[in-house]
Amino acid sequence: MGERRRSSDGARCQRAELRHRPLALSADKAHDSRRNRAHLCRRGIKAIIPVPADRVRNRRKLDSWGGRPPN
């Protein structure tokens, strides 16, 4: 797994890392938007982003008039 390659002149090269899709992504409240969450969901990545207080407050204000229940 940690195999190092050598170039033609015998010098060591950086270890080749495989690119892979992360299982989850954590970010701060500034990056919480429906667009960002939708993009991550389409790619199958779990979003670990806290919900801003104003969004929760607005959901509570809607009460039973619509929207999803506040967390």
PDB file of N, CA and C in Angstrom:
ATOM      1  N   MET A   1       0.818  -1.194   0.000  1.00  0.00           N
ATOM      2  CA  MET A   1       0.000   0.000   0.000  1.00  0.00           C
ATOM      3  C   MET A   1       0.861   1.257   0.000  1.00  0.00           C
ATOM      4  N   GLY A   2       1.858   1.323   0.853  1.00  0.00           N
ATOM      5  CA  GLY A   2       2.701   2.498   0.927  1.00  0.00           C
ATOM      6  C   GLY A   2       3.870   2.429  -0.037  1.00  0.00           C
ATOM      7  N   GLU A   3       3.697   1.766  -1.144  1.00  0.00           N
ATOM      8  CA  GLU A   3       4.779   1.564  -2.093  1.00  0.00           C
ATOM      9  C   GLU A   3       5.186   2.885  -2.729  1.00  0.00           C
ATOM     10  N   ARG A   4       6.487   3.109  -2.766  1.00  0.00           N
ATOM     11  CA  ARG A   4       6.991   4.331  -3.392  1.00  0.00           C
ATOM     12  C   ARG A   4       7.547   3.991  -4.769  1.00  0.00           C
ATOM     13  N   ARG A   5       7.321   4.881  -5.687  1.00  0.00           N
ATOM     14  CA  ARG A   5       7.822   4.674  -7.045  1.00  0.00           C
ATOM     15  C   ARG A   5       9.147   5.402  -7.225  1.00  0.00           C
ATOM     16  N   ARG A   6       9.913   4.920  -8.163  1.00  0.00           N
ATOM     17  CA  ARG A   6      11.170   5.597  -8.475  1.00  0.00           C
ATOM     18  C   ARG A   6      11.123   6.105  -9.907  1.00  0.00           C
ATOM     19  N   SER A   7      11.673   7.278 -10.098  1.00  0.00           N
ATOM     20  CA  SER A   7      11.708   7.842 -11.444  1.00  0.00           C
ATOM     21  C   SER A   7      12.846   7.181 -12.221  1.00  0.00           C
ATOM     22  N   SER A   8      12.988   7.541 -13.477  1.00  0.00           N
ATOM     23  CA  SER A   8      13.995   6.909 -14.333  1.00  0.00           C
ATOM     24  C   SER A   8      15.419   7.144 -13.842  1.00  0.00           C
ATOM     25  N   ASP A   9      15.638   8.269 -13.126  1.00  0.00           N
ATOM     26  CA  ASP A   9      16.993   8.534 -12.650  1.00  0.00           C
ATOM     27  C   ASP A   9      17.228   7.958 -11.250  1.00  0.00           C
ATOM     28  N   GLY A  10      16.267   7.218 -10.704  1.00  0.00           N
ATOM     29  CA  GLY A  10      16.454   6.553  -9.424  1.00  0.00           C
ATOM     30  C   GLY A  10      15.976   7.358  -8.226  1.00  0.00           C
ATOM     31  N   ALA A  11      15.563   8.610  -8.427  1.00  0.00           N
ATOM     32  CA  ALA A  11      15.087   9.427  -7.309  1.00  0.00           C
ATOM     33  C   ALA A  11      13.677   8.994  -6.904  1.00  0.00           C
ATOM     34  N   ARG A  12      13.376   9.163  -5.619  1.00  0.00           N
ATOM     35  CA  ARG A  12      12.053   8.770  -5.144  1.00  0.00           C
ATOM     36  C   ARG A  12      10.988   9.780  -5.578  1.00  0.00           C
ATOM     37  N   CYS A  13       9.825   9.255  -5.920  1.00  0.00           N
ATOM     38  CA  CYS A  13       8.678  10.090  -6.266  1.00  0.00           C
ATOM     39  C   CYS A  13       7.724  10.133  -5.073  1.00  0.00           C
ATOM     40  N   GLN A  14       6.831  11.079  -5.095  1.00  0.00           N
ATOM     41  CA  GLN A  14       5.778  11.140  -4.078  1.00  0.00           C
ATOM     42  C   GLN A  14       4.928   9.889  -4.155  1.00  0.00           C
ATOM     43  N   ARG A  15       4.358   9.474  -3.019  1.00  0.00           N
ATOM     44  CA  ARG A  15       3.470   8.318  -3.014  1.00  0.00           C
ATOM     45  C   ARG A  15       2.197   8.660  -3.780  1.00  0.00           C
ATOM     46  N   ALA A  16       1.787   7.805  -4.667  1.00  0.00           N
ATOM     47  CA  ALA A  16       0.595   8.051  -5.470  1.00  0.00           C
ATOM     48  C   ALA A  16      -0.643   7.816  -4.607  1.00  0.00           C
ATOM     49  N   GLU A  17      -1.484   8.828  -4.462  1.00  0.00           N
ATOM     50  CA  GLU A  17      -2.711   8.719  -3.686  1.00  0.00           C
ATOM     51  C   GLU A  17      -3.878   8.543  -4.648  1.00  0.00           C
ATOM     52  N   LEU A  18      -4.763   7.628  -4.311  1.00  0.00           N
ATOM     53  CA  LEU A  18      -5.956   7.442  -5.115  1.00  0.00           C
ATOM     54  C   LEU A  18      -6.994   8.476  -4.712  1.00  0.00           C
ATOM     55  N   ARG A  19      -7.667   9.043  -5.672  1.00  0.00           N
ATOM     56  CA  ARG A  19      -8.737   9.989  -5.372  1.00  0.00           C
ATOM     57  C   ARG A  19     -10.004   9.206  -5.083  1.00  0.00           C
ATOM     58  N   HIS A  20     -10.717   9.592  -4.066  1.00  0.00           N
ATOM     59  CA  HIS A  20     -11.960   8.920  -3.738  1.00  0.00           C
ATOM     60  C   HIS A  20     -12.967   9.939  -3.201  1.00  0.00           C
ATOM     61  N   ARG A  21     -14.214   9.570  -3.247  1.00  0.00           N
ATOM     62  CA  ARG A  21     -15.292  10.428  -2.779  1.00  0.00           C
ATOM     63  C   ARG A  21     -15.401  10.297  -1.266  1.00  0.00           C
ATOM     64  N   PRO A  22     -15.441  11.421  -0.540  1.00  0.00           N
ATOM     65  CA  PRO A  22     -15.568  11.330   0.910  1.00  0.00           C
ATOM     66  C   PRO A  22     -16.963  10.853   1.307  1.00  0.00           C
ATOM     67  N   LEU A  23     -17.063  10.221   2.456  1.00  0.00           N
ATOM     68  CA  LEU A  23     -18.358   9.768   2.957  1.00  0.00           C
ATOM     69  C   LEU A  23     -19.156  10.924   3.542  1.00  0.00           C
ATOM     70  N   ALA A  24     -18.449  11.892   4.135  1.00  0.00           N
ATOM     71  CA  ALA A  24     -19.115  13.025   4.768  1.00  0.00           C
ATOM     72  C   ALA A  24     -18.250  14.271   4.616  1.00  0.00           C
ATOM     73  N   LEU A  25     -18.897  15.426   4.703  1.00  0.00           N
ATOM     74  CA  LEU A  25     -18.186  16.695   4.605  1.00  0.00           C
ATOM     75  C   LEU A  25     -18.654  17.576   5.744  1.00  0.00           C
ATOM     76  N   SER A  26     -17.725  18.115   6.512  1.00  0.00           N
ATOM     77  CA  SER A  26     -18.110  19.036   7.576  1.00  0.00           C
ATOM     78  C   SER A  26     -17.699  20.449   7.170  1.00  0.00           C
ATOM     79  N   ALA A  27     -18.563  21.391   7.494  1.00  0.00           N
ATOM     80  CA  ALA A  27     -18.317  22.792   7.159  1.00  0.00           C
ATOM     81  C   ALA A  27     -18.944  23.663   8.232  1.00  0.00           C
ATOM     82  N   ASP A  28     -18.669  24.950   8.178  1.00  0.00           N
ATOM     83  CA  ASP A  28     -19.272  25.846   9.158  1.00  0.00           C
ATOM     84  C   ASP A  28     -20.607  26.383   8.650  1.00  0.00           C
ATOM     85  N   LYS A  29     -21.269  27.184   9.488  1.00  0.00           N
ATOM     86  CA  LYS A  29     -22.617  27.656   9.185  1.00  0.00           C
ATOM     87  C   LYS A  29     -22.678  28.530   7.938  1.00  0.00           C
ATOM     88  N   ALA A  30     -21.577  29.145   7.580  1.00  0.00           N
ATOM     89  CA  ALA A  30     -21.569  30.039   6.418  1.00  0.00           C
ATOM     90  C   ALA A  30     -21.813  29.286   5.115  1.00  0.00           C
ATOM     91  N   HIS A  31     -21.517  27.996   5.089  1.00  0.00           N
ATOM     92  CA  HIS A  31     -21.663  27.212   3.860  1.00  0.00           C
ATOM     93  C   HIS A  31     -22.964  26.418   3.818  1.00  0.00           C
ATOM     94  N   ASP A  32     -23.874  26.719   4.738  1.00  0.00           N
ATOM     95  CA  ASP A  32     -25.156  26.024   4.767  1.00  0.00           C
ATOM     96  C   ASP A  32     -26.119  26.704   3.803  1.00  0.00           C
ATOM     97  N   SER A  33     -26.368  26.058   2.694  1.00  0.00           N
ATOM     98  CA  SER A  33     -27.365  26.548   1.741  1.00  0.00           C
ATOM     99  C   SER A  33     -28.018  25.348   1.089  1.00  0.00           C
ATOM    100  N   ARG A  34     -29.204  25.533   0.583  1.00  0.00           N
ATOM    101  CA  ARG A  34     -29.902  24.421  -0.065  1.00  0.00           C
ATOM    102  C   ARG A  34     -29.117  23.925  -1.267  1.00  0.00           C
ATOM    103  N   ARG A  35     -28.507  24.849  -1.977  1.00  0.00           N
ATOM    104  CA  ARG A  35     -27.744  24.475  -3.172  1.00  0.00           C
ATOM    105  C   ARG A  35     -26.549  23.591  -2.815  1.00  0.00           C
ATOM    106  N   ASN A  36     -25.806  23.984  -1.776  1.00  0.00           N
ATOM    107  CA  ASN A  36     -24.659  23.179  -1.349  1.00  0.00           C
ATOM    108  C   ASN A  36     -25.102  21.805  -0.861  1.00  0.00           C
ATOM    109  N   ARG A  37     -26.158  21.778  -0.054  1.00  0.00           N
ATOM    110  CA  ARG A  37     -26.646  20.506   0.468  1.00  0.00           C
ATOM    111  C   ARG A  37     -27.163  19.606  -0.652  1.00  0.00           C
ATOM    112  N   ALA A  38     -27.846  20.185  -1.631  1.00  0.00           N
ATOM    113  CA  ALA A  38     -28.372  19.407  -2.754  1.00  0.00           C
ATOM    114  C   ALA A  38     -27.225  18.811  -3.577  1.00  0.00           C
ATOM    115  N   HIS A  39     -26.175  19.595  -3.788  1.00  0.00           N
ATOM    116  CA  HIS A  39     -25.019  19.116  -4.551  1.00  0.00           C
ATOM    117  C   HIS A  39     -24.365  17.920  -3.851  1.00  0.00           C
ATOM    118  N   LEU A  40     -24.181  18.051  -2.535  1.00  0.00           N
ATOM    119  CA  LEU A  40     -23.582  16.951  -1.784  1.00  0.00           C
ATOM    120  C   LEU A  40     -24.476  15.719  -1.809  1.00  0.00           C
ATOM    121  N   CYS A  41     -25.782  15.925  -1.697  1.00  0.00           N
ATOM    122  CA  CYS A  41     -26.725  14.812  -1.704  1.00  0.00           C
ATOM    123  C   CYS A  41     -26.694  14.088  -3.044  1.00  0.00           C
ATOM    124  N   ARG A  42     -26.619  14.831  -4.136  1.00  0.00           N
ATOM    125  CA  ARG A  42     -26.545  14.218  -5.471  1.00  0.00           C
ATOM    126  C   ARG A  42     -25.301  13.350  -5.608  1.00  0.00           C
ATOM    127  N   ARG A  43     -24.216  13.764  -4.985  1.00  0.00           N
ATOM    128  CA  ARG A  43     -22.967  13.002  -5.074  1.00  0.00           C
ATOM    129  C   ARG A  43     -22.868  11.907  -4.020  1.00  0.00           C
ATOM    130  N   GLY A  44     -23.882  11.809  -3.155  1.00  0.00           N
ATOM    131  CA  GLY A  44     -23.891  10.760  -2.139  1.00  0.00           C
ATOM    132  C   GLY A  44     -22.996  11.056  -0.958  1.00  0.00           C
ATOM    133  N   ILE A  45     -22.800  12.333  -0.640  1.00  0.00           N
ATOM    134  CA  ILE A  45     -21.944  12.742   0.461  1.00  0.00           C
ATOM    135  C   ILE A  45     -22.828  13.312   1.568  1.00  0.00           C
ATOM    136  N   LYS A  46     -22.625  12.842   2.794  1.00  0.00           N
ATOM    137  CA  LYS A  46     -23.412  13.326   3.922  1.00  0.00           C
ATOM    138  C   LYS A  46     -22.885  14.694   4.352  1.00  0.00           C
ATOM    139  N   ALA A  47     -23.793  15.663   4.505  1.00  0.00           N
ATOM    140  CA  ALA A  47     -23.412  17.012   4.908  1.00  0.00           C
ATOM    141  C   ALA A  47     -23.496  17.132   6.423  1.00  0.00           C
ATOM    142  N   ILE A  48     -22.383  17.452   7.051  1.00  0.00           N
ATOM    143  CA  ILE A  48     -22.350  17.693   8.491  1.00  0.00           C
ATOM    144  C   ILE A  48     -22.122  19.186   8.662  1.00  0.00           C
ATOM    145  N   ILE A  49     -23.198  19.943   8.473  1.00  0.00           N
ATOM    146  CA  ILE A  49     -23.142  21.399   8.534  1.00  0.00           C
ATOM    147  C   ILE A  49     -24.192  21.863   9.534  1.00  0.00           C
ATOM    148  N   PRO A  50     -23.812  22.612  10.570  1.00  0.00           N
ATOM    149  CA  PRO A  50     -24.810  23.087  11.519  1.00  0.00           C
ATOM    150  C   PRO A  50     -25.776  24.069  10.856  1.00  0.00           C
ATOM    151  N   VAL A  51     -27.016  24.033  11.302  1.00  0.00           N
ATOM    152  CA  VAL A  51     -28.044  24.912  10.743  1.00  0.00           C
ATOM    153  C   VAL A  51     -27.978  26.253  11.473  1.00  0.00           C
ATOM    154  N   PRO A  52     -27.940  27.376  10.744  1.00  0.00           N
ATOM    155  CA  PRO A  52     -27.896  28.682  11.391  1.00  0.00           C
ATOM    156  C   PRO A  52     -29.143  28.933  12.244  1.00  0.00           C
ATOM    157  N   ALA A  53     -28.965  29.699  13.317  1.00  0.00           N
ATOM    158  CA  ALA A  53     -30.053  29.969  14.256  1.00  0.00           C
ATOM    159  C   ALA A  53     -31.219  30.692  13.582  1.00  0.00           C
ATOM    160  N   ASP A  54     -30.921  31.570  12.625  1.00  0.00           N
ATOM    161  CA  ASP A  54     -32.012  32.313  11.987  1.00  0.00           C
ATOM    162  C   ASP A  54     -32.915  31.390  11.173  1.00  0.00           C
ATOM    163  N   ARG A  55     -32.350  30.339  10.587  1.00  0.00           N
ATOM    164  CA  ARG A  55     -33.168  29.404   9.818  1.00  0.00           C
ATOM    165  C   ARG A  55     -34.094  28.610  10.745  1.00  0.00           C
ATOM    166  N   VAL A  56     -33.566  28.188  11.893  1.00  0.00           N
ATOM    167  CA  VAL A  56     -34.389  27.476  12.878  1.00  0.00           C
ATOM    168  C   VAL A  56     -35.477  28.403  13.407  1.00  0.00           C
ATOM    169  N   ARG A  57     -35.118  29.644  13.693  1.00  0.00           N
ATOM    170  CA  ARG A  57     -36.082  30.628  14.202  1.00  0.00           C
ATOM    171  C   ARG A  57     -37.202  30.866  13.193  1.00  0.00           C
ATOM    172  N   ASN A  58     -36.865  30.959  11.919  1.00  0.00           N
ATOM    173  CA  ASN A  58     -37.886  31.177  10.889  1.00  0.00           C
ATOM    174  C   ASN A  58     -38.798  29.969  10.758  1.00  0.00           C
ATOM    175  N   ARG A  59     -38.243  28.762  10.923  1.00  0.00           N
ATOM    176  CA  ARG A  59     -39.077  27.569  10.873  1.00  0.00           C
ATOM    177  C   ARG A  59     -40.040  27.528  12.046  1.00  0.00           C
ATOM    178  N   ARG A  60     -39.563  27.937  13.224  1.00  0.00           N
ATOM    179  CA  ARG A  60     -40.436  27.965  14.404  1.00  0.00           C
ATOM    180  C   ARG A  60     -41.533  29.005  14.229  1.00  0.00           C
ATOM    181  N   LYS A  61     -41.204  30.095  13.564  1.00  0.00           N
ATOM    182  CA  LYS A  61     -42.188  31.155  13.342  1.00  0.00           C
ATOM    183  C   LYS A  61     -43.319  30.659  12.441  1.00  0.00           C
ATOM    184  N   LEU A  62     -42.996  29.779  11.478  1.00  0.00           N
ATOM    185  CA  LEU A  62     -44.029  29.216  10.602  1.00  0.00           C
ATOM    186  C   LEU A  62     -44.991  28.325  11.382  1.00  0.00           C
ATOM    187  N   ASP A  63     -44.500  27.694  12.425  1.00  0.00           N
ATOM    188  CA  ASP A  63     -45.292  26.820  13.286  1.00  0.00           C
ATOM    189  C   ASP A  63     -46.033  25.787  12.453  1.00  0.00           C
ATOM    190  N   SER A  64     -47.329  25.726  12.543  1.00  0.00           N
ATOM    191  CA  SER A  64     -48.091  24.699  11.818  1.00  0.00           C
ATOM    192  C   SER A  64     -48.523  25.179  10.440  1.00  0.00           C
ATOM    193  N   TRP A  65     -48.047  26.323  10.003  1.00  0.00           N
ATOM    194  CA  TRP A  65     -48.446  26.883   8.699  1.00  0.00           C
ATOM    195  C   TRP A  65     -47.680  26.264   7.544  1.00  0.00           C
ATOM    196  N   GLY A  66     -46.665  25.547   7.829  1.00  0.00           N
ATOM    197  CA  GLY A  66     -45.910  24.914   6.735  1.00  0.00           C
ATOM    198  C   GLY A  66     -44.453  24.732   7.095  1.00  0.00           C
ATOM    199  N   GLY A  67     -43.728  24.165   6.182  1.00  0.00           N
ATOM    200  CA  GLY A  67     -42.326  23.898   6.420  1.00  0.00           C
ATOM    201  C   GLY A  67     -42.149  22.632   7.217  1.00  0.00           C
ATOM    202  N   ARG A  68     -40.929  22.239   7.402  1.00  0.00           N
ATOM    203  CA  ARG A  68     -40.675  21.034   8.184  1.00  0.00           C
ATOM    204  C   ARG A  68     -40.504  21.411   9.638  1.00  0.00           C
ATOM    205  N   PRO A  69     -40.686  20.476  10.546  1.00  0.00           N
ATOM    206  CA  PRO A  69     -40.569  20.785  11.974  1.00  0.00           C
ATOM    207  C   PRO A  69     -39.155  21.216  12.329  1.00  0.00           C
ATOM    208  N   PRO A  70     -39.010  22.138  13.270  1.00  0.00           N
ATOM    209  CA  PRO A  70     -37.659  22.580  13.668  1.00  0.00           C
ATOM    210  C   PRO A  70     -36.938  21.484  14.430  1.00  0.00           C
ATOM    211  N   ASN A  71     -35.639  21.477  14.309  1.00  0.00           N
ATOM    212  CA  ASN A  71     -34.829  20.487  15.033  1.00  0.00           C
ATOM    213  C   ASN A  71     -34.284  21.115  16.268  1.00  0.00           C
TER     214      ASN A  71
END
